[in-house]
Amino acid sequence: MVFLGPTDLATSTGEEGPNARRVEALVQQVLEVFVARGVPCGYPIVARSHEDAERETARRLAEGFKVLAVMTITR
């Protein structure tokens, strides 16, 4: 299993944060390679609400991620 870290990708590529377009493109590129090889991929989700967490979870599962670490920030 591989666990993709968008913050780590952002840091290593000089992007400003994990939500940068280039980071998402890299996430998708890496995911595609590992899914094609049958390697399960994990991804962290940090959401601002329960609804956002559900929406992002559904999205990432549909993309092919198998393991998700879902966190919701409450204020």
Protein backbone atom coordinates (compact mmCIF):
# COMPACT_ATOMS: atom_id res chain seq x y z
CA MET A 1 0.00 0.00 0.00
CA VAL A 2 1.06 3.55 -0.73
CA PHE A 3 -0.28 6.52 1.23
CA LEU A 4 -0.14 9.75 -0.76
CA GLY A 5 0.60 12.91 1.19
CA PRO A 6 -0.52 16.05 -0.64
CA THR A 7 1.26 18.31 1.85
CA ASP A 8 4.49 16.38 1.34
CA LEU A 9 4.03 16.63 -2.44
CA ALA A 10 3.45 20.38 -2.15
CA THR A 11 6.59 20.85 -0.07
CA SER A 12 8.77 18.73 -2.34
CA THR A 13 7.55 20.48 -5.50
CA GLY A 14 7.63 24.02 -4.12
CA GLU A 15 3.88 24.54 -4.27
CA GLU A 16 2.12 26.73 -1.70
CA GLY A 17 -0.11 24.02 -0.28
CA PRO A 18 -1.79 20.66 -0.71
CA ASN A 19 -4.71 22.15 -2.66
CA ALA A 20 -2.55 23.53 -5.48
CA ARG A 21 -3.59 22.37 -8.97
CA ARG A 22 -0.15 20.92 -9.67
CA VAL A 23 -0.33 18.86 -6.48
CA GLU A 24 -3.72 17.42 -7.44
CA ALA A 25 -2.37 16.60 -10.90
CA LEU A 26 0.55 14.75 -9.30
CA VAL A 27 -1.81 12.90 -6.95
CA GLN A 28 -3.86 11.73 -9.92
CA GLN A 29 -0.77 10.73 -11.86
CA VAL A 30 0.64 8.66 -8.99
CA LEU A 31 -2.77 7.13 -8.26
CA GLU A 32 -3.14 6.05 -11.89
CA VAL A 33 0.22 4.28 -11.88
CA PHE A 34 -0.39 2.40 -8.64
CA VAL A 35 -3.98 1.43 -9.47
CA ALA A 36 -2.77 0.03 -12.80
CA ARG A 37 -0.30 -2.11 -10.86
CA GLY A 38 -2.89 -3.26 -8.32
CA VAL A 39 -1.30 -1.40 -5.41
CA PRO A 40 -3.86 0.05 -2.96
CA CYS A 41 -3.54 3.79 -2.36
CA GLY A 42 -4.43 5.84 0.69
CA TYR A 43 -5.15 9.54 1.04
CA PRO A 44 -5.82 11.99 3.89
CA ILE A 45 -9.01 14.03 3.91
CA VAL A 46 -9.29 17.12 6.10
CA ALA A 47 -12.79 18.57 5.88
CA ARG A 48 -14.50 21.58 7.42
CA SER A 49 -17.84 19.82 7.92
CA HIS A 50 -19.38 16.38 8.03
CA GLU A 51 -20.96 17.03 4.63
CA ASP A 52 -17.62 18.05 3.10
CA ALA A 53 -16.04 14.90 4.55
CA GLU A 54 -18.74 12.72 3.00
CA ARG A 55 -18.45 14.44 -0.37
CA GLU A 56 -14.64 14.20 -0.45
CA THR A 57 -14.74 10.58 0.74
CA ALA A 58 -17.11 9.63 -2.09
CA ARG A 59 -14.93 11.49 -4.59
CA ARG A 60 -11.68 9.85 -3.52
CA LEU A 61 -13.21 6.37 -3.40
CA ALA A 62 -14.59 6.87 -6.92
CA GLU A 63 -11.10 7.88 -8.09
CA GLY A 64 -9.72 4.57 -6.86
CA PHE A 65 -8.35 5.23 -3.38
CA LYS A 66 -8.83 2.27 -1.04
CA VAL A 67 -7.76 3.71 2.34
CA LEU A 68 -8.79 7.14 3.61
CA ALA A 69 -7.86 8.97 6.80
CA VAL A 70 -10.83 11.29 7.28
CA MET A 71 -10.61 14.20 9.72
CA THR A 72 -13.16 16.92 10.32
CA ILE A 73 -12.07 20.27 11.72
CA THR A 74 -14.58 21.66 14.21
CA ARG A 75 -14.58 25.14 15.65
